[in-house]
Structures are given as C-alpha cells and as structure tokens.
Amino acid sequence: MPVGCDENSDPLMTKEQYLTWFDEVLQPTEPTFLRVPPEKLDFKLTERSFSIGQLVSHIPASLSFMAKVIRREELPQKSLRGILLSNRHQSSASVEEGVKRLKAATSEFKDAVGALTEDRFQYELLDTPQRGRVHYWRYCAFVLEHHIHHLMELHLCLKVLGVRVNTITLYAGG
C-alpha cells in the first residue's frame, strides 16, 4: 500500500486525479515540439546528449514503452541497463512525426492507465525495469518525472539556440 494509505483510508491520489495531472504535465509538450526549428534536429547540448530529433522521438517512445510496462506486456528491453543501452541508438524524428507519435503515445498511455481498476492503481505492485517492484501509482508518477526531465532538456536546447521559450512555455506551452 502507498505510504499513509490503507484499504480503509482515502487514496493519496485517485486514478482520475492522476490522469488530470498527466494531461496538465503533457499539455506544453506539443507546443514545445512545434517550436523546434527543423534545421536544428541534429543539435545536442553536449556530445553525449540526445539530439533534438532524438528527444522528439524518445519522448513519445518512452510513453509507449511505459504503457507496455503497465499492461505487463513483453518488453523489448527488460532491464534498466538494456533500456540505457538502447537509448544510445535512439532514432531521430521530424517535428511532424514527433507530434504524430506524441498524440498516439499519449492516448496509448492514458488507455493503459484507464484500464486499471482503482484498487489496482492504488494498491497493487508492478515489476518495472526502471524502478523494480513498485505500486502502479508510483510508476505512473515516475512516468511524469521522466517526461518532465526530457521536456526540460528540450526546452534548454531551444533556449541555447535562441528560440523564444520561457517558464510559461515550459509549464503551459504558451
């Protein structure tokens, strides 16, 4: 059970509350993708960073991967090490392809969470390659942590390139 939550108490966050939070966190993603200059897809913050094109590909791909984890499907990489090694070869995507993949992956992830019962979301444990054995709700929170991390990375790339982005862009897409 989540810390501070037992079967007789109110949940820390319901599945419906989580899905609302999910929408709020993902809302600025597409507008941020659309700010990417197409000629800058190969730009990297550092030698070992994802390029912008790789970020535009990785962000939706990770949502699809994590939906598979939630559905307990067979995974292409079964360990954190496997995921990290695979990430070294992340493909690149155009802005248009990234937006298309983002829409599909967002729907896929929300459908996976939506298919969980409230009790399963709150109390059941899930085996994950990234976090080990955790509650479904905790893994779902990790998904948003991961998303925010890479969205911020993309935001910083755009800022370094002189693209007009600011705190409002990062949090509201405006």
N, C-alpha and C. Protein backbone atom coordinates (compact mmCIF):
# COMPACT_ATOMS: atom_id res chain seq x y z
N MET A 1 0.83 -1.19 0.00
CA MET A 1 0.00 0.00 0.00
C MET A 1 0.87 1.25 0.00
N PRO A 2 0.36 2.31 -0.63
CA PRO A 2 1.10 3.56 -0.58
C PRO A 2 1.29 4.02 0.86
N VAL A 3 2.40 4.67 1.12
CA VAL A 3 2.65 5.20 2.45
C VAL A 3 1.50 6.12 2.84
N GLY A 4 0.98 5.94 4.03
CA GLY A 4 -0.09 6.79 4.51
C GLY A 4 -1.45 6.41 3.96
N CYS A 5 -1.55 5.29 3.30
CA CYS A 5 -2.82 4.88 2.70
C CYS A 5 -3.03 3.40 2.97
N ASP A 6 -4.17 3.07 3.53
CA ASP A 6 -4.51 1.66 3.68
C ASP A 6 -5.88 1.44 3.05
N GLU A 7 -6.34 0.21 3.08
CA GLU A 7 -7.60 -0.11 2.41
C GLU A 7 -8.79 0.64 2.99
N ASN A 8 -8.67 1.15 4.21
CA ASN A 8 -9.77 1.84 4.86
C ASN A 8 -9.65 3.36 4.79
N SER A 9 -8.64 3.88 4.13
CA SER A 9 -8.47 5.33 4.06
C SER A 9 -8.60 5.80 2.62
N ASP A 10 -8.71 7.09 2.47
CA ASP A 10 -8.78 7.67 1.14
C ASP A 10 -7.43 7.53 0.46
N PRO A 11 -7.42 7.31 -0.85
CA PRO A 11 -6.14 7.23 -1.57
C PRO A 11 -5.44 8.58 -1.58
N LEU A 12 -4.12 8.53 -1.76
CA LEU A 12 -3.34 9.76 -1.87
C LEU A 12 -3.72 10.51 -3.14
N MET A 13 -3.91 9.78 -4.22
CA MET A 13 -4.32 10.37 -5.49
C MET A 13 -5.11 9.30 -6.23
N THR A 14 -6.29 9.64 -6.64
CA THR A 14 -7.09 8.68 -7.40
C THR A 14 -6.56 8.57 -8.83
N LYS A 15 -6.99 7.55 -9.50
CA LYS A 15 -6.60 7.38 -10.90
C LYS A 15 -7.11 8.57 -11.72
N GLU A 16 -8.32 9.02 -11.47
CA GLU A 16 -8.86 10.17 -12.19
C GLU A 16 -8.03 11.43 -11.94
N GLN A 17 -7.61 11.65 -10.69
CA GLN A 17 -6.76 12.79 -10.39
C GLN A 17 -5.42 12.67 -11.10
N TYR A 18 -4.87 11.45 -11.14
CA TYR A 18 -3.61 11.24 -11.84
C TYR A 18 -3.76 11.59 -13.32
N LEU A 19 -4.82 11.11 -13.97
CA LEU A 19 -4.99 11.36 -15.40
C LEU A 19 -5.17 12.86 -15.70
N THR A 20 -5.78 13.59 -14.78
CA THR A 20 -5.87 15.04 -14.93
C THR A 20 -4.49 15.66 -14.83
N TRP A 21 -3.70 15.22 -13.85
CA TRP A 21 -2.32 15.70 -13.69
C TRP A 21 -1.50 15.36 -14.93
N PHE A 22 -1.66 14.14 -15.44
CA PHE A 22 -0.96 13.70 -16.65
C PHE A 22 -1.23 14.69 -17.80
N ASP A 23 -2.50 15.01 -18.02
CA ASP A 23 -2.86 15.96 -19.09
C ASP A 23 -2.20 17.32 -18.87
N GLU A 24 -2.18 17.78 -17.62
CA GLU A 24 -1.57 19.07 -17.31
C GLU A 24 -0.07 19.06 -17.60
N VAL A 25 0.60 17.99 -17.22
CA VAL A 25 2.05 17.90 -17.44
C VAL A 25 2.37 17.78 -18.92
N LEU A 26 1.57 17.03 -19.67
CA LEU A 26 1.87 16.85 -21.10
C LEU A 26 1.41 18.01 -21.97
N GLN A 27 0.55 18.87 -21.47
CA GLN A 27 -0.03 19.95 -22.27
C GLN A 27 1.02 20.79 -23.01
N PRO A 28 2.14 21.17 -22.40
CA PRO A 28 3.11 22.01 -23.13
C PRO A 28 4.00 21.23 -24.11
N THR A 29 3.88 19.93 -24.18
CA THR A 29 4.82 19.14 -24.98
C THR A 29 4.67 19.41 -26.47
N GLU A 30 3.48 19.29 -27.01
CA GLU A 30 3.30 19.54 -28.44
C GLU A 30 3.69 20.96 -28.83
N PRO A 31 3.23 21.99 -28.08
CA PRO A 31 3.67 23.35 -28.45
C PRO A 31 5.20 23.52 -28.41
N THR A 32 5.86 22.81 -27.49
CA THR A 32 7.32 22.88 -27.43
C THR A 32 7.93 22.19 -28.64
N PHE A 33 7.40 21.03 -29.02
CA PHE A 33 7.87 20.36 -30.24
C PHE A 33 7.76 21.31 -31.43
N LEU A 34 6.63 22.02 -31.52
CA LEU A 34 6.37 22.88 -32.67
C LEU A 34 7.30 24.10 -32.74
N ARG A 35 8.01 24.39 -31.66
CA ARG A 35 8.98 25.49 -31.66
C ARG A 35 10.34 25.06 -32.19
N VAL A 36 10.53 23.77 -32.41
CA VAL A 36 11.82 23.26 -32.88
C VAL A 36 12.05 23.69 -34.33
N PRO A 37 13.15 24.40 -34.59
CA PRO A 37 13.49 24.72 -35.98
C PRO A 37 13.90 23.42 -36.70
N PRO A 38 13.23 23.08 -37.80
CA PRO A 38 13.52 21.81 -38.49
C PRO A 38 14.99 21.62 -38.84
N GLU A 39 15.70 22.71 -39.09
CA GLU A 39 17.13 22.60 -39.44
C GLU A 39 18.01 22.34 -38.23
N LYS A 40 17.44 22.31 -37.03
CA LYS A 40 18.23 22.13 -35.81
C LYS A 40 18.00 20.76 -35.14
N LEU A 41 17.43 19.82 -35.85
CA LEU A 41 17.14 18.50 -35.27
C LEU A 41 18.39 17.76 -34.81
N ASP A 42 19.54 18.08 -35.38
CA ASP A 42 20.79 17.41 -35.00
C ASP A 42 21.51 18.09 -33.84
N PHE A 43 21.00 19.21 -33.36
CA PHE A 43 21.66 19.93 -32.27
C PHE A 43 21.61 19.12 -30.97
N LYS A 44 22.76 19.12 -30.24
CA LYS A 44 22.87 18.45 -28.94
C LYS A 44 23.44 19.45 -27.94
N LEU A 45 22.95 19.37 -26.70
CA LEU A 45 23.52 20.21 -25.65
C LEU A 45 24.96 19.83 -25.37
N THR A 46 25.25 18.54 -25.37
CA THR A 46 26.60 18.03 -25.14
C THR A 46 26.84 16.87 -26.10
N GLU A 47 28.07 16.46 -26.20
CA GLU A 47 28.44 15.33 -27.08
C GLU A 47 27.61 14.08 -26.77
N ARG A 48 27.33 13.83 -25.49
CA ARG A 48 26.65 12.59 -25.09
C ARG A 48 25.14 12.75 -24.89
N SER A 49 24.63 13.94 -25.17
CA SER A 49 23.19 14.20 -25.03
C SER A 49 22.42 13.64 -26.22
N PHE A 50 21.10 13.50 -26.04
CA PHE A 50 20.22 13.26 -27.17
C PHE A 50 20.26 14.50 -28.07
N SER A 51 20.16 14.31 -29.36
CA SER A 51 19.92 15.45 -30.25
C SER A 51 18.46 15.86 -30.08
N ILE A 52 18.13 17.02 -30.60
CA ILE A 52 16.72 17.46 -30.53
C ILE A 52 15.82 16.45 -31.24
N GLY A 53 16.24 15.98 -32.40
CA GLY A 53 15.44 14.99 -33.13
C GLY A 53 15.26 13.70 -32.34
N GLN A 54 16.31 13.30 -31.62
CA GLN A 54 16.19 12.11 -30.77
C GLN A 54 15.23 12.35 -29.61
N LEU A 55 15.26 13.56 -29.04
CA LEU A 55 14.31 13.88 -27.96
C LEU A 55 12.87 13.84 -28.48
N VAL A 56 12.66 14.39 -29.66
CA VAL A 56 11.32 14.42 -30.25
C VAL A 56 10.84 12.99 -30.54
N SER A 57 11.75 12.08 -30.74
CA SER A 57 11.43 10.67 -30.93
C SER A 57 11.29 9.94 -29.59
N HIS A 58 12.22 10.20 -28.67
CA HIS A 58 12.28 9.48 -27.39
C HIS A 58 11.08 9.79 -26.48
N ILE A 59 10.67 11.03 -26.44
CA ILE A 59 9.59 11.41 -25.53
C ILE A 59 8.33 10.58 -25.79
N PRO A 60 7.82 10.50 -27.02
CA PRO A 60 6.66 9.64 -27.23
C PRO A 60 6.98 8.14 -27.12
N ALA A 61 8.17 7.74 -27.57
CA ALA A 61 8.53 6.32 -27.50
C ALA A 61 8.53 5.83 -26.05
N SER A 62 8.98 6.68 -25.14
CA SER A 62 9.02 6.27 -23.74
C SER A 62 7.61 6.12 -23.17
N LEU A 63 6.67 6.96 -23.60
CA LEU A 63 5.29 6.80 -23.15
C LEU A 63 4.71 5.46 -23.62
N SER A 64 5.01 5.10 -24.86
CA SER A 64 4.55 3.79 -25.38
C SER A 64 5.19 2.64 -24.62
N PHE A 65 6.49 2.76 -24.36
CA PHE A 65 7.19 1.71 -23.61
C PHE A 65 6.57 1.55 -22.22
N MET A 66 6.33 2.67 -21.56
CA MET A 66 5.80 2.61 -20.20
C MET A 66 4.35 2.14 -20.17
N ALA A 67 3.60 2.36 -21.24
CA ALA A 67 2.26 1.79 -21.35
C ALA A 67 2.35 0.27 -21.41
N LYS A 68 3.35 -0.25 -22.12
CA LYS A 68 3.57 -1.70 -22.18
C LYS A 68 3.91 -2.25 -20.79
N VAL A 69 4.70 -1.52 -20.03
CA VAL A 69 5.02 -1.95 -18.66
C VAL A 69 3.74 -2.05 -17.85
N ILE A 70 2.90 -1.04 -17.93
CA ILE A 70 1.65 -1.03 -17.16
C ILE A 70 0.74 -2.17 -17.59
N ARG A 71 0.71 -2.46 -18.88
CA ARG A 71 -0.13 -3.57 -19.37
C ARG A 71 0.53 -4.94 -19.16
N ARG A 72 1.74 -4.92 -18.62
CA ARG A 72 2.51 -6.14 -18.35
C ARG A 72 2.78 -6.93 -19.63
N GLU A 73 3.08 -6.22 -20.69
CA GLU A 73 3.40 -6.84 -21.97
C GLU A 73 4.88 -7.20 -22.02
N GLU A 74 5.21 -8.02 -22.99
CA GLU A 74 6.61 -8.35 -23.24
C GLU A 74 7.33 -7.08 -23.67
N LEU A 75 8.50 -6.85 -23.08
CA LEU A 75 9.24 -5.62 -23.36
C LEU A 75 10.46 -5.90 -24.23
N PRO A 76 10.79 -4.96 -25.12
CA PRO A 76 12.00 -5.14 -25.93
C PRO A 76 13.27 -5.07 -25.09
N GLN A 77 13.26 -4.27 -24.02
CA GLN A 77 14.38 -4.20 -23.07
C GLN A 77 13.79 -4.52 -21.69
N LYS A 78 14.40 -5.49 -21.01
CA LYS A 78 13.83 -5.97 -19.76
C LYS A 78 14.55 -5.45 -18.51
N SER A 79 15.59 -4.65 -18.70
CA SER A 79 16.34 -4.14 -17.56
C SER A 79 16.68 -2.68 -17.80
N LEU A 80 17.01 -1.99 -16.73
CA LEU A 80 17.42 -0.60 -16.87
C LEU A 80 18.66 -0.50 -17.75
N ARG A 81 19.59 -1.42 -17.58
CA ARG A 81 20.79 -1.42 -18.41
C ARG A 81 20.43 -1.56 -19.88
N GLY A 82 19.52 -2.47 -20.19
CA GLY A 82 19.07 -2.66 -21.57
C GLY A 82 18.42 -1.42 -22.15
N ILE A 83 17.63 -0.74 -21.32
CA ILE A 83 16.98 0.49 -21.75
C ILE A 83 18.03 1.56 -22.06
N LEU A 84 18.99 1.71 -21.15
CA LEU A 84 20.03 2.73 -21.34
C LEU A 84 20.88 2.45 -22.57
N LEU A 85 21.21 1.19 -22.79
CA LEU A 85 21.98 0.84 -23.99
C LEU A 85 21.18 1.12 -25.25
N SER A 86 19.91 0.79 -25.23
CA SER A 86 19.04 1.04 -26.37
C SER A 86 18.91 2.53 -26.64
N ASN A 87 18.85 3.33 -25.58
CA ASN A 87 18.72 4.78 -25.73
C ASN A 87 19.90 5.39 -26.48
N ARG A 88 21.07 4.76 -26.39
CA ARG A 88 22.25 5.27 -27.12
C ARG A 88 22.02 5.28 -28.62
N HIS A 89 21.07 4.46 -29.07
CA HIS A 89 20.79 4.33 -30.50
C HIS A 89 19.40 4.88 -30.84
N GLN A 90 18.92 5.79 -30.02
CA GLN A 90 17.59 6.38 -30.25
C GLN A 90 17.54 7.01 -31.64
N SER A 91 16.51 6.65 -32.38
CA SER A 91 16.34 7.25 -33.71
C SER A 91 15.90 8.71 -33.56
N SER A 92 15.99 9.43 -34.64
CA SER A 92 15.56 10.83 -34.69
C SER A 92 14.20 10.89 -35.38
N ALA A 93 13.46 11.95 -35.09
CA ALA A 93 12.18 12.15 -35.76
C ALA A 93 12.06 13.62 -36.15
N SER A 94 11.32 13.86 -37.20
CA SER A 94 10.99 15.24 -37.57
C SER A 94 9.98 15.76 -36.55
N VAL A 95 9.77 17.05 -36.55
CA VAL A 95 8.78 17.64 -35.65
C VAL A 95 7.40 17.06 -35.95
N GLU A 96 7.04 16.99 -37.22
CA GLU A 96 5.72 16.48 -37.59
C GLU A 96 5.54 15.03 -37.14
N GLU A 97 6.56 14.21 -37.35
CA GLU A 97 6.48 12.81 -36.93
C GLU A 97 6.44 12.72 -35.40
N GLY A 98 7.21 13.55 -34.72
CA GLY A 98 7.20 13.56 -33.26
C GLY A 98 5.83 13.91 -32.70
N VAL A 99 5.19 14.92 -33.29
CA VAL A 99 3.85 15.32 -32.82
C VAL A 99 2.87 14.18 -33.06
N LYS A 100 2.94 13.56 -34.22
CA LYS A 100 2.05 12.43 -34.53
C LYS A 100 2.26 11.28 -33.53
N ARG A 101 3.51 10.94 -33.27
CA ARG A 101 3.83 9.87 -32.31
C ARG A 101 3.40 10.26 -30.89
N LEU A 102 3.58 11.54 -30.54
CA LEU A 102 3.19 12.01 -29.21
C LEU A 102 1.70 11.83 -28.99
N LYS A 103 0.89 12.19 -29.96
CA LYS A 103 -0.56 12.04 -29.84
C LYS A 103 -0.94 10.58 -29.66
N ALA A 104 -0.34 9.70 -30.46
CA ALA A 104 -0.65 8.27 -30.36
C ALA A 104 -0.17 7.69 -29.03
N ALA A 105 1.03 8.06 -28.61
CA ALA A 105 1.59 7.52 -27.36
C ALA A 105 0.84 8.04 -26.14
N THR A 106 0.42 9.30 -26.18
CA THR A 106 -0.36 9.85 -25.07
C THR A 106 -1.65 9.08 -24.92
N SER A 107 -2.32 8.83 -26.01
CA SER A 107 -3.57 8.06 -25.98
C SER A 107 -3.32 6.64 -25.49
N GLU A 108 -2.26 6.02 -25.98
CA GLU A 108 -1.92 4.66 -25.57
C GLU A 108 -1.66 4.59 -24.07
N PHE A 109 -0.90 5.53 -23.55
CA PHE A 109 -0.58 5.52 -22.13
C PHE A 109 -1.83 5.75 -21.28
N LYS A 110 -2.64 6.74 -21.66
CA LYS A 110 -3.85 7.02 -20.91
C LYS A 110 -4.81 5.83 -20.95
N ASP A 111 -4.89 5.13 -22.07
CA ASP A 111 -5.73 3.94 -22.16
C ASP A 111 -5.23 2.84 -21.22
N ALA A 112 -3.90 2.69 -21.13
CA ALA A 112 -3.33 1.67 -20.24
C ALA A 112 -3.65 1.98 -18.79
N VAL A 113 -3.49 3.23 -18.39
CA VAL A 113 -3.82 3.62 -17.01
C VAL A 113 -5.33 3.52 -16.80
N GLY A 114 -6.10 3.99 -17.78
CA GLY A 114 -7.55 3.96 -17.67
C GLY A 114 -8.12 2.56 -17.51
N ALA A 115 -7.43 1.56 -18.05
CA ALA A 115 -7.90 0.17 -17.95
C ALA A 115 -7.67 -0.43 -16.56
N LEU A 116 -6.85 0.23 -15.75
CA LEU A 116 -6.61 -0.28 -14.39
C LEU A 116 -7.83 0.01 -13.51
N THR A 117 -8.14 -0.92 -12.63
CA THR A 117 -9.16 -0.61 -11.63
C THR A 117 -8.55 0.36 -10.61
N GLU A 118 -9.40 1.06 -9.90
CA GLU A 118 -8.91 1.98 -8.88
C GLU A 118 -8.08 1.24 -7.84
N ASP A 119 -8.53 0.07 -7.42
CA ASP A 119 -7.78 -0.70 -6.42
C ASP A 119 -6.42 -1.13 -6.94
N ARG A 120 -6.37 -1.55 -8.19
CA ARG A 120 -5.08 -1.95 -8.77
C ARG A 120 -4.14 -0.75 -8.83
N PHE A 121 -4.65 0.39 -9.31
CA PHE A 121 -3.84 1.61 -9.39
C PHE A 121 -3.28 1.98 -8.02
N GLN A 122 -4.09 1.87 -6.98
CA GLN A 122 -3.70 2.29 -5.63
C GLN A 122 -2.80 1.28 -4.92
N TYR A 123 -3.15 0.01 -4.99
CA TYR A 123 -2.58 -0.96 -4.05
C TYR A 123 -1.70 -2.06 -4.64
N GLU A 124 -1.85 -2.36 -5.93
CA GLU A 124 -1.09 -3.48 -6.49
C GLU A 124 0.32 -3.07 -6.88
N LEU A 125 1.21 -4.05 -6.82
CA LEU A 125 2.61 -3.85 -7.20
C LEU A 125 2.83 -4.28 -8.64
N LEU A 126 3.77 -3.62 -9.27
CA LEU A 126 4.11 -3.85 -10.67
C LEU A 126 5.62 -4.02 -10.76
N ASP A 127 6.07 -5.01 -11.50
CA ASP A 127 7.51 -5.17 -11.74
C ASP A 127 7.90 -4.30 -12.92
N THR A 128 8.86 -3.39 -12.69
CA THR A 128 9.28 -2.45 -13.73
C THR A 128 10.77 -2.55 -13.95
N PRO A 129 11.23 -2.34 -15.18
CA PRO A 129 12.68 -2.38 -15.41
C PRO A 129 13.40 -1.17 -14.83
N GLN A 130 12.70 -0.06 -14.68
CA GLN A 130 13.35 1.17 -14.21
C GLN A 130 13.36 1.30 -12.69
N ARG A 131 12.33 0.89 -12.02
CA ARG A 131 12.17 1.14 -10.59
C ARG A 131 12.00 -0.12 -9.75
N GLY A 132 12.11 -1.28 -10.38
CA GLY A 132 11.89 -2.52 -9.64
C GLY A 132 10.41 -2.71 -9.36
N ARG A 133 10.12 -3.30 -8.22
CA ARG A 133 8.73 -3.61 -7.85
C ARG A 133 8.13 -2.42 -7.09
N VAL A 134 7.18 -1.74 -7.71
CA VAL A 134 6.55 -0.56 -7.13
C VAL A 134 5.04 -0.61 -7.36
N HIS A 135 4.33 0.21 -6.60
CA HIS A 135 2.89 0.34 -6.83
C HIS A 135 2.65 0.98 -8.20
N TYR A 136 1.52 0.62 -8.79
CA TYR A 136 1.17 1.22 -10.07
C TYR A 136 1.18 2.74 -9.99
N TRP A 137 0.58 3.31 -8.94
CA TRP A 137 0.51 4.77 -8.82
C TRP A 137 1.91 5.38 -8.80
N ARG A 138 2.86 4.70 -8.16
CA ARG A 138 4.23 5.23 -8.08
C ARG A 138 4.91 5.17 -9.44
N TYR A 139 4.67 4.11 -10.19
CA TYR A 139 5.24 4.02 -11.53
C TYR A 139 4.66 5.11 -12.43
N CYS A 140 3.37 5.34 -12.30
CA CYS A 140 2.73 6.40 -13.10
C CYS A 140 3.34 7.76 -12.76
N ALA A 141 3.64 7.99 -11.49
CA ALA A 141 4.32 9.25 -11.11
C ALA A 141 5.70 9.30 -11.74
N PHE A 142 6.42 8.19 -11.76
CA PHE A 142 7.73 8.14 -12.40
C PHE A 142 7.63 8.49 -13.89
N VAL A 143 6.58 8.04 -14.55
CA VAL A 143 6.39 8.35 -15.97
C VAL A 143 6.39 9.86 -16.18
N LEU A 144 5.70 10.58 -15.31
CA LEU A 144 5.66 12.04 -15.44
C LEU A 144 7.00 12.66 -15.07
N GLU A 145 7.69 12.11 -14.08
CA GLU A 145 9.03 12.60 -13.75
C GLU A 145 9.95 12.48 -14.96
N HIS A 146 9.91 11.34 -15.61
CA HIS A 146 10.72 11.09 -16.80
C HIS A 146 10.36 12.07 -17.92
N HIS A 147 9.08 12.27 -18.11
CA HIS A 147 8.62 13.17 -19.16
C HIS A 147 9.11 14.60 -18.91
N ILE A 148 8.94 15.06 -17.68
CA ILE A 148 9.37 16.42 -17.31
C ILE A 148 10.88 16.58 -17.53
N HIS A 149 11.64 15.57 -17.18
CA HIS A 149 13.09 15.61 -17.36
C HIS A 149 13.45 15.89 -18.82
N HIS A 150 12.86 15.11 -19.73
CA HIS A 150 13.21 15.26 -21.15
C HIS A 150 12.59 16.50 -21.77
N LEU A 151 11.41 16.91 -21.31
CA LEU A 151 10.84 18.15 -21.81
C LEU A 151 11.72 19.34 -21.43
N MET A 152 12.25 19.30 -20.21
CA MET A 152 13.16 20.36 -19.77
C MET A 152 14.45 20.34 -20.60
N GLU A 153 14.93 19.15 -20.93
CA GLU A 153 16.12 19.03 -21.77
C GLU A 153 15.86 19.67 -23.14
N LEU A 154 14.69 19.40 -23.72
CA LEU A 154 14.33 20.01 -25.00
C LEU A 154 14.21 21.52 -24.85
N HIS A 155 13.59 21.97 -23.78
CA HIS A 155 13.44 23.40 -23.50
C HIS A 155 14.80 24.09 -23.45
N LEU A 156 15.77 23.47 -22.77
CA LEU A 156 17.10 24.05 -22.68
C LEU A 156 17.80 24.09 -24.04
N CYS A 157 17.61 23.05 -24.85
CA CYS A 157 18.17 23.07 -26.21
C CYS A 157 17.63 24.27 -26.97
N LEU A 158 16.33 24.47 -26.90
CA LEU A 158 15.72 25.58 -27.62
C LEU A 158 16.23 26.92 -27.11
N LYS A 159 16.36 27.04 -25.80
CA LYS A 159 16.85 28.28 -25.19
C LYS A 159 18.27 28.58 -25.68
N VAL A 160 19.14 27.57 -25.69
CA VAL A 160 20.53 27.75 -26.15
C VAL A 160 20.56 28.17 -27.62
N LEU A 161 19.62 27.66 -28.39
CA LEU A 161 19.56 28.01 -29.82
C LEU A 161 18.94 29.39 -30.07
N GLY A 162 18.46 30.03 -29.02
CA GLY A 162 17.87 31.35 -29.18
C GLY A 162 16.40 31.35 -29.54
N VAL A 163 15.77 30.18 -29.47
CA VAL A 163 14.33 30.10 -29.72
C VAL A 163 13.61 30.71 -28.52
N ARG A 164 12.57 31.49 -28.79
CA ARG A 164 11.85 32.15 -27.70
C ARG A 164 11.08 31.12 -26.88
N VAL A 165 11.65 30.77 -25.75
CA VAL A 165 11.00 29.90 -24.76
C VAL A 165 11.23 30.52 -23.39
N ASN A 166 10.32 30.28 -22.49
CA ASN A 166 10.45 30.79 -21.14
C ASN A 166 9.70 29.88 -20.18
N THR A 167 9.53 30.29 -18.97
CA THR A 167 8.86 29.45 -17.97
C THR A 167 7.43 29.14 -18.39
N ILE A 168 6.74 30.11 -18.96
CA ILE A 168 5.36 29.86 -19.41
C ILE A 168 5.35 28.79 -20.51
N THR A 169 6.32 28.84 -21.42
CA THR A 169 6.43 27.81 -22.46
C THR A 169 6.60 26.44 -21.84
N LEU A 170 7.48 26.37 -20.86
CA LEU A 170 7.80 25.08 -20.24
C LEU A 170 6.60 24.49 -19.50
N TYR A 171 5.84 25.32 -18.81
CA TYR A 171 4.75 24.80 -17.98
C TYR A 171 3.39 24.87 -18.62
N ALA A 172 3.19 25.74 -19.60
CA ALA A 172 1.87 25.89 -20.18
C ALA A 172 1.88 25.85 -21.70
N GLY A 173 3.04 25.78 -22.31
CA GLY A 173 3.13 25.71 -23.75
C GLY A 173 2.93 27.04 -24.45
N GLY A 174 2.71 28.09 -23.67
CA GLY A 174 2.39 29.40 -24.25
C GLY A 174 3.57 30.19 -24.73
